[in-house]
Amino acid sequence: MTIVSTTEARISETGTGGPGEPPAALTAREPHVPAEQLVAEMVPPPRFDGVRFDTYIPDPAQPSQSEAVQVLSAFAGGLGGARGGDGRRRWFRREPKRTAAPGGPRGVYLDGGYGVGKTHLLASLWHAAPATPDRKAFGTFVELTNLVGALGFQQTVRTLSGHQLLCIDEFELDDPGDTVLISSLLAKLVESGVALAATSNTLPGKLGEGRFAAADFLREIQGLSAHFRTLRIDGEDYRHRGLPKAPEPYGDEEVERVAHRVPGASLDGFPALLRHLSRVHPSRYGALVEGVEAVCLTGVSPVPDQATALRLVVLADRLYDREVPVVASGVPFDALFSQEMLEGGYRKKYFRAISRLTALARDGREMTAS
């Protein structure tokens, strides 16, 4: 993957954390991702490159997990299209004005808590779909809204309407503008015959609840939920199932030692990183951490406000997607968000971030051993 950046050439000259070099700083990076690259990169992230339905391990105590595998496998099998008169299979036969698949909605919606394997299943569906990679798309809800912002609504419709499948991870509506935008976009794509699949911690009819006056946009929200058949996936967070407690934060000196010892590591003060995130669009956070082998943070402290917290959630998602270990000093990750935040409308995002950062901190523990 090629990332165009105004500063990364300079970073490579001044040190990237290689052997004998000082660690790089994420705050020194100002990545730029061209709009056309946003489309090309709508594929499952590196963590989910190799996942398939048969690598998903259902919890025997949660039959909904095995059921989800069966339903999604059948859904993927139904995406093969029809054969034309010449006997050749028409994978991308267009079906104008079709708003539902035979016998039900034109999409599946995976609802469940953190760590039950929803993204694993969504990526498995993407891999199982018979289309070539340029005719199926996978991205987070934030990445989809960013794509519309970069290309414009009509161009996004034209770009995605030729696809067989659109997979949307972490589907959550945070403001009325997104509600109207995505409702309109998905309606257009369904009319073009695009199949939809999404994951979220919120049932389709509850999207936006607690974050804005969802009742004022009930028509759009109901329109969104009409596109999907909901599959509830129960279970515990697999990232912590039967595993020891996440490591306690380290001292600043230990974090700095790891950053200087591990090739490709970055080293940043947590407050400075939060300020930098406010100057980088969230659509570029993946590029921000591209090529980084470990993220080392000193002085981790509770985030000061909700806007900062939501930016941190996106960064945590991009680090988790790329399997980047985290080594940190300061407060534990479960103390990042205030009780008010954890009880508010974005609570599910914050709990997801805590879960993922805890898993990455566990991965980073091995780096402190020597």
Protein backbone atom coordinates (compact mmCIF):
# COMPACT_ATOMS: atom_id res chain seq x y z
CA MET A 1 0.00 0.00 0.00
CA THR A 2 1.41 3.40 -0.97
CA ILE A 3 0.82 6.33 1.32
CA VAL A 4 1.47 9.84 0.07
CA SER A 5 2.75 12.02 2.91
CA THR A 6 4.28 15.44 3.09
CA THR A 7 6.50 14.53 6.03
CA GLU A 8 7.23 10.82 5.86
CA ALA A 9 10.14 11.30 3.47
CA ARG A 10 11.68 13.56 6.08
CA ILE A 11 10.91 11.05 8.79
CA SER A 12 12.70 8.31 6.88
CA GLU A 13 15.77 10.53 6.69
CA THR A 14 15.80 11.51 10.36
CA GLY A 15 15.09 8.11 11.81
CA THR A 16 12.26 5.59 11.80
CA GLY A 17 13.19 3.64 14.86
CA GLY A 18 15.48 1.25 13.00
CA PRO A 19 18.54 -0.39 14.61
CA GLY A 20 20.70 2.29 16.15
CA GLU A 21 18.25 5.07 15.33
CA PRO A 22 15.97 6.99 17.68
CA PRO A 23 12.28 6.06 17.58
CA ALA A 24 9.98 8.07 15.33
CA ALA A 25 7.12 10.14 16.69
CA LEU A 26 3.56 9.85 15.41
CA THR A 27 3.25 13.58 16.04
CA ALA A 28 5.85 14.14 13.29
CA ARG A 29 3.64 12.50 10.69
CA GLU A 30 1.09 14.37 8.61
CA PRO A 31 -0.21 11.72 6.18
CA HIS A 32 -2.24 12.51 3.09
CA VAL A 33 -4.37 9.82 1.43
CA PRO A 34 -5.67 10.60 -2.11
CA ALA A 35 -9.40 10.10 -2.62
CA GLU A 36 -8.92 7.34 -5.22
CA GLN A 37 -6.76 5.45 -2.75
CA LEU A 38 -9.58 5.46 -0.21
CA VAL A 39 -11.61 3.31 -2.63
CA ALA A 40 -8.73 0.96 -3.49
CA GLU A 41 -8.06 0.32 0.19
CA MET A 42 -11.62 -0.70 1.06
CA VAL A 43 -10.58 -4.26 1.92
CA PRO A 44 -10.38 -6.09 5.26
CA PRO A 45 -7.51 -4.74 7.40
CA PRO A 46 -4.31 -6.77 7.90
CA ARG A 47 -5.55 -8.41 11.10
CA PHE A 48 -8.35 -10.01 9.09
CA ASP A 49 -6.46 -10.91 5.89
CA GLY A 50 -6.51 -14.62 6.63
CA VAL A 51 -9.81 -15.09 8.44
CA ARG A 52 -12.46 -17.36 7.01
CA PHE A 53 -15.69 -18.90 8.28
CA ASP A 54 -13.84 -22.09 9.18
CA THR A 55 -11.30 -20.16 11.31
CA TYR A 56 -14.06 -18.67 13.46
CA ILE A 57 -14.33 -20.67 16.69
CA PRO A 58 -17.86 -20.41 18.09
CA ASP A 59 -18.33 -20.55 21.84
CA PRO A 60 -20.21 -23.83 22.51
CA ALA A 61 -22.22 -22.04 25.18
CA GLN A 62 -23.49 -19.49 22.64
CA PRO A 63 -25.49 -21.17 19.84
CA SER A 64 -26.10 -17.79 18.17
CA GLN A 65 -22.44 -17.77 17.10
CA SER A 66 -22.73 -21.03 15.16
CA GLU A 67 -26.02 -19.87 13.69
CA ALA A 68 -24.37 -16.67 12.45
CA VAL A 69 -21.73 -18.69 10.60
CA GLN A 70 -24.42 -20.76 8.88
CA VAL A 71 -26.54 -17.76 7.90
CA LEU A 72 -23.60 -15.78 6.58
CA SER A 73 -22.23 -18.74 4.64
CA ALA A 74 -25.61 -19.13 2.95
CA PHE A 75 -25.75 -15.38 2.32
CA ALA A 76 -22.34 -15.52 0.62
CA GLY A 77 -23.50 -18.47 -1.47
CA GLY A 78 -26.49 -16.47 -2.64
CA LEU A 79 -24.30 -13.70 -4.02
CA GLY A 80 -23.22 -15.73 -7.04
CA GLY A 81 -25.68 -14.12 -9.43
CA ALA A 82 -27.40 -15.95 -12.26
CA ARG A 83 -26.27 -17.57 -15.50
CA GLY A 84 -26.94 -15.82 -18.74
CA GLY A 85 -28.26 -17.36 -21.92
CA ASP A 86 -24.73 -18.29 -22.96
CA GLY A 87 -24.35 -20.40 -19.82
CA ARG A 88 -21.76 -18.13 -18.27
CA ARG A 89 -22.32 -16.98 -14.72
CA ARG A 90 -23.31 -13.32 -14.39
CA TRP A 91 -21.70 -12.34 -11.08
CA PHE A 92 -22.62 -8.68 -11.37
CA ARG A 93 -26.05 -8.74 -12.98
CA ARG A 94 -27.61 -5.36 -12.21
CA GLU A 95 -31.08 -5.35 -10.69
CA PRO A 96 -32.49 -1.80 -10.78
CA LYS A 97 -35.17 -0.87 -8.25
CA ARG A 98 -34.69 -4.08 -6.34
CA THR A 99 -34.95 -3.27 -2.66
CA ALA A 100 -34.79 -6.73 -1.15
CA ALA A 101 -33.36 -10.13 -1.80
CA PRO A 102 -35.82 -12.96 -2.39
CA GLY A 103 -37.55 -13.77 0.85
CA GLY A 104 -36.19 -10.85 2.85
CA PRO A 105 -33.94 -7.80 3.18
CA ARG A 106 -30.97 -7.19 0.92
CA GLY A 107 -28.49 -7.29 3.78
CA VAL A 108 -27.43 -8.82 7.08
CA TYR A 109 -26.72 -6.92 10.25
CA LEU A 110 -24.55 -8.45 13.01
CA ASP A 111 -25.44 -7.09 16.42
CA GLY A 112 -23.56 -8.05 19.55
CA GLY A 113 -21.16 -6.98 22.27
CA TYR A 114 -17.45 -6.37 22.01
CA GLY A 115 -15.20 -9.25 21.11
CA VAL A 116 -17.79 -11.80 19.94
CA GLY A 117 -16.15 -11.98 16.51
CA LYS A 118 -18.42 -9.73 14.44
CA THR A 119 -15.57 -8.24 12.39
CA HIS A 120 -14.09 -11.72 11.89
CA LEU A 121 -17.40 -12.87 10.45
CA LEU A 122 -17.85 -9.75 8.33
CA ALA A 123 -14.37 -10.16 6.84
CA SER A 124 -15.05 -13.86 6.26
CA LEU A 125 -18.16 -12.89 4.31
CA TRP A 126 -16.10 -10.49 2.19
CA HIS A 127 -13.57 -13.24 1.45
CA ALA A 128 -16.31 -15.76 0.67
CA ALA A 129 -18.18 -13.49 -1.74
CA PRO A 130 -17.41 -14.67 -5.30
CA ALA A 131 -16.68 -11.19 -6.69
CA THR A 132 -13.17 -10.02 -7.47
CA PRO A 133 -11.71 -7.62 -4.89
CA ASP A 134 -12.49 -4.58 -7.04
CA ARG A 135 -16.20 -5.47 -6.96
CA LYS A 136 -16.61 -5.82 -3.21
CA ALA A 137 -15.81 -3.26 -0.54
CA PHE A 138 -15.03 -3.44 3.18
CA GLY A 139 -14.70 -0.43 5.45
CA THR A 140 -15.72 1.06 8.74
CA PHE A 141 -18.68 3.40 8.98
CA VAL A 142 -16.25 6.29 9.47
CA GLU A 143 -14.33 5.30 6.34
CA LEU A 144 -17.57 5.19 4.34
CA THR A 145 -18.61 8.68 5.42
CA ASN A 146 -15.08 9.89 4.69
CA LEU A 147 -15.34 8.39 1.20
CA VAL A 148 -18.51 10.38 0.53
CA GLY A 149 -16.76 13.48 1.79
CA ALA A 150 -13.81 12.89 -0.54
CA LEU A 151 -15.68 11.83 -3.69
CA GLY A 152 -19.03 13.52 -3.27
CA PHE A 153 -22.35 11.72 -2.95
CA GLN A 154 -23.08 11.06 -6.63
CA GLN A 155 -19.56 9.84 -7.42
CA THR A 156 -19.66 7.52 -4.41
CA VAL A 157 -22.95 6.07 -5.64
CA ARG A 158 -21.48 5.55 -9.12
CA THR A 159 -18.30 4.00 -7.70
CA LEU A 160 -20.00 1.53 -5.37
CA SER A 161 -23.15 0.72 -7.37
CA GLY A 162 -21.22 -1.69 -9.57
CA HIS A 163 -20.16 -3.71 -6.53
CA GLN A 164 -21.57 -7.06 -5.54
CA LEU A 165 -21.15 -6.50 -1.78
CA LEU A 166 -20.54 -3.64 0.63
CA CYS A 167 -19.42 -4.57 4.16
CA ILE A 168 -19.66 -1.84 6.81
CA ASP A 169 -17.91 -2.42 10.13
CA GLU A 170 -18.71 -0.52 13.34
CA PHE A 171 -21.98 0.94 12.05
CA GLU A 172 -23.01 3.74 14.39
CA LEU A 173 -24.80 7.00 13.62
CA ASP A 174 -23.34 9.87 15.58
CA ASP A 175 -25.18 12.85 14.15
CA PRO A 176 -28.25 13.71 12.05
CA GLY A 177 -26.17 14.54 8.97
CA ASP A 178 -24.69 11.04 8.90
CA THR A 179 -28.17 9.56 9.34
CA VAL A 180 -29.58 11.26 6.25
CA LEU A 181 -26.39 10.73 4.23
CA ILE A 182 -25.99 7.00 4.84
CA SER A 183 -29.73 6.31 4.59
CA SER A 184 -29.76 7.91 1.13
CA LEU A 185 -26.54 6.21 0.04
CA LEU A 186 -27.59 2.70 1.05
CA ALA A 187 -31.02 3.14 -0.56
CA LYS A 188 -29.31 4.00 -3.86
CA LEU A 189 -26.92 1.07 -3.61
CA VAL A 190 -29.68 -1.41 -2.79
CA GLU A 191 -31.63 -0.19 -5.82
CA SER A 192 -28.55 -0.99 -7.91
CA GLY A 193 -28.44 -4.55 -6.59
CA VAL A 194 -25.61 -4.16 -4.08
CA ALA A 195 -25.81 -6.57 -1.14
CA LEU A 196 -25.10 -5.09 2.30
CA ALA A 197 -23.57 -6.44 5.49
CA ALA A 198 -22.83 -4.51 8.65
CA THR A 199 -21.70 -4.92 12.23
CA SER A 200 -22.55 -2.81 15.24
CA ASN A 201 -23.14 -2.85 18.97
CA THR A 202 -26.51 -1.20 18.37
CA LEU A 203 -29.64 -2.69 16.82
CA PRO A 204 -30.66 -0.97 13.56
CA GLY A 205 -33.77 0.57 15.10
CA LYS A 206 -31.71 2.03 17.94
CA LEU A 207 -29.01 3.71 15.84
CA GLY A 208 -28.38 7.27 17.01
CA GLU A 209 -30.08 6.69 20.35
CA GLY A 210 -28.52 8.73 23.12
CA ARG A 211 -26.40 10.78 20.69
CA PHE A 212 -28.93 13.09 19.05
CA ALA A 213 -32.67 13.53 18.71
CA ALA A 214 -33.14 10.20 16.91
CA ALA A 215 -36.92 10.56 16.98
CA ASP A 216 -36.63 13.48 14.57
CA PHE A 217 -34.96 11.21 12.04
CA LEU A 218 -37.07 8.13 12.64
CA ARG A 219 -37.96 7.73 8.95
CA GLU A 220 -34.29 7.57 7.93
CA ILE A 221 -33.40 5.20 10.74
CA GLN A 222 -36.32 2.89 9.94
CA GLY A 223 -35.33 3.04 6.28
CA LEU A 224 -31.85 1.86 7.20
CA SER A 225 -33.07 -1.03 9.33
CA ALA A 226 -35.43 -2.17 6.55
CA HIS A 227 -32.42 -3.08 4.42
CA PHE A 228 -31.11 -5.63 6.93
CA ARG A 229 -31.93 -8.95 8.53
CA THR A 230 -30.57 -8.69 12.08
CA LEU A 231 -28.47 -11.49 13.55
CA ARG A 232 -27.88 -11.23 17.29
CA ILE A 233 -24.51 -12.71 18.35
CA ASP A 234 -24.19 -13.36 22.07
CA GLY A 235 -21.07 -14.14 24.05
CA GLU A 236 -18.14 -12.85 26.04
CA ASP A 237 -15.27 -10.77 24.71
CA TYR A 238 -12.97 -13.42 23.19
CA ARG A 239 -9.99 -11.07 23.62
CA HIS A 240 -10.21 -11.57 27.37
CA ARG A 241 -11.85 -15.01 27.56
CA GLY A 242 -9.71 -17.10 29.90
CA LEU A 243 -6.73 -14.74 29.62
CA PRO A 244 -4.80 -13.08 32.45
CA LYS A 245 -5.50 -9.48 33.36
CA ALA A 246 -3.93 -6.88 31.11
CA PRO A 247 -0.51 -5.69 32.30
CA GLU A 248 -0.30 -2.67 34.51
CA PRO A 249 1.16 0.47 32.96
CA TYR A 250 4.95 0.72 32.95
CA GLY A 251 7.20 3.56 34.07
CA ASP A 252 8.31 6.22 31.63
CA GLU A 253 11.87 4.91 31.56
CA GLU A 254 10.74 1.40 30.67
CA VAL A 255 8.52 2.68 27.85
CA GLU A 256 11.38 4.78 26.46
CA ARG A 257 13.74 1.80 26.69
CA VAL A 258 11.35 -0.36 24.66
CA ALA A 259 10.89 2.40 22.08
CA HIS A 260 14.65 2.68 21.54
CA ARG A 261 15.20 -1.08 21.48
CA VAL A 262 12.37 -2.17 19.12
CA PRO A 263 13.01 -1.36 15.42
CA GLY A 264 10.11 0.56 13.91
CA ALA A 265 8.64 1.67 17.25
CA SER A 266 7.20 5.12 17.78
CA LEU A 267 7.51 7.17 20.97
CA ASP A 268 5.11 9.95 21.94
CA GLY A 269 3.86 11.74 24.99
CA PHE A 270 0.16 10.99 25.30
CA PRO A 271 -1.03 14.62 25.65
CA ALA A 272 0.99 15.66 22.58
CA LEU A 273 -0.46 12.77 20.58
CA LEU A 274 -4.01 13.76 21.49
CA ARG A 275 -3.32 17.30 20.30
CA HIS A 276 -1.89 15.95 17.05
CA LEU A 277 -4.96 13.79 16.45
CA SER A 278 -7.10 16.94 16.51
CA ARG A 279 -5.12 18.21 13.49
CA VAL A 280 -5.27 14.98 11.45
CA HIS A 281 -8.55 13.85 9.88
CA PRO A 282 -9.66 10.45 11.29
CA SER A 283 -9.70 9.04 7.74
CA ARG A 284 -5.89 9.35 7.84
CA TYR A 285 -5.27 7.59 11.15
CA GLY A 286 -4.54 4.34 9.34
CA ALA A 287 -1.85 6.09 7.31
CA LEU A 288 -0.59 7.73 10.50
CA VAL A 289 0.37 4.35 11.98
CA GLU A 290 1.31 2.60 8.72
CA GLY A 291 4.61 0.76 9.08
CA VAL A 292 4.84 1.32 12.85
CA GLU A 293 5.88 -1.87 14.68
CA ALA A 294 4.92 -0.72 18.20
CA VAL A 295 3.36 2.38 19.72
CA CYS A 296 5.04 3.55 22.93
CA LEU A 297 3.22 6.20 24.97
CA THR A 298 4.29 8.04 28.09
CA GLY A 299 2.00 9.88 30.46
CA VAL A 300 -1.31 8.26 29.51
CA SER A 301 -4.07 10.14 31.34
CA PRO A 302 -7.88 10.36 31.21
CA VAL A 303 -9.05 12.10 28.04
CA PRO A 304 -10.32 15.61 28.74
CA ASP A 305 -13.44 15.77 26.56
CA GLN A 306 -15.71 13.78 24.29
CA ALA A 307 -14.30 15.03 20.98
CA THR A 308 -10.83 13.91 22.03
CA ALA A 309 -12.21 10.61 23.27
CA LEU A 310 -13.90 9.85 19.95
CA ARG A 311 -10.69 10.56 18.04
CA LEU A 312 -8.85 8.18 20.37
CA VAL A 313 -11.46 5.49 19.65
CA VAL A 314 -10.69 5.73 15.92
CA LEU A 315 -6.94 5.50 16.57
CA ALA A 316 -7.47 2.45 18.77
CA ASP A 317 -9.46 0.79 15.97
CA ARG A 318 -6.72 1.45 13.40
CA LEU A 319 -4.01 0.13 15.75
CA TYR A 320 -6.07 -2.99 16.42
CA ASP A 321 -6.73 -3.54 12.71
CA ARG A 322 -2.99 -3.47 12.07
CA GLU A 323 -2.03 -5.53 15.15
CA VAL A 324 0.29 -2.82 16.50
CA PRO A 325 1.33 -3.57 20.11
CA VAL A 326 1.10 -0.75 22.64
CA VAL A 327 3.43 -0.11 25.58
CA ALA A 328 2.36 2.71 27.87
CA SER A 329 2.96 4.48 31.14
CA GLY A 330 0.42 6.43 33.15
CA VAL A 331 -3.13 5.34 33.98
CA PRO A 332 -4.52 1.94 32.91
CA PHE A 333 -6.56 1.91 29.70
CA ASP A 334 -9.76 1.22 31.62
CA ALA A 335 -9.33 4.65 33.24
CA LEU A 336 -9.15 6.59 29.96
CA PHE A 337 -12.82 7.55 29.87
CA SER A 338 -14.83 9.18 32.62
CA GLN A 339 -17.81 7.48 34.19
CA GLU A 340 -20.04 10.04 32.51
CA MET A 341 -18.63 9.02 29.11
CA LEU A 342 -19.06 5.32 29.88
CA GLU A 343 -22.71 5.92 30.71
CA GLY A 344 -23.46 8.20 27.75
CA GLY A 345 -24.51 7.71 24.17
CA TYR A 346 -21.03 6.75 22.96
CA ARG A 347 -20.41 4.20 25.72
CA LYS A 348 -20.22 1.25 23.34
CA LYS A 349 -17.44 2.90 21.36
CA TYR A 350 -15.50 3.59 24.53
CA PHE A 351 -15.84 0.04 25.82
CA ARG A 352 -14.70 -1.26 22.43
CA ALA A 353 -11.62 0.98 22.60
CA ILE A 354 -10.81 -0.22 26.11
CA SER A 355 -11.17 -3.84 24.99
CA ARG A 356 -8.92 -3.38 21.96
CA LEU A 357 -6.26 -1.30 23.70
CA THR A 358 -6.13 -3.87 26.50
CA ALA A 359 -5.51 -6.62 23.94
CA LEU A 360 -2.74 -4.55 22.31
CA ALA A 361 -1.18 -3.83 25.71
CA ARG A 362 -1.09 -7.56 26.33
CA ASP A 363 0.72 -7.98 23.01
CA GLY A 364 3.17 -5.27 24.04
CA ARG A 365 4.06 -7.06 27.27
CA GLU A 366 6.44 -9.38 25.39
CA MET A 367 8.49 -6.37 24.31
CA THR A 368 9.27 -5.45 27.90
CA ALA A 369 10.56 -8.90 28.84
CA SER A 370 14.16 -8.45 27.68
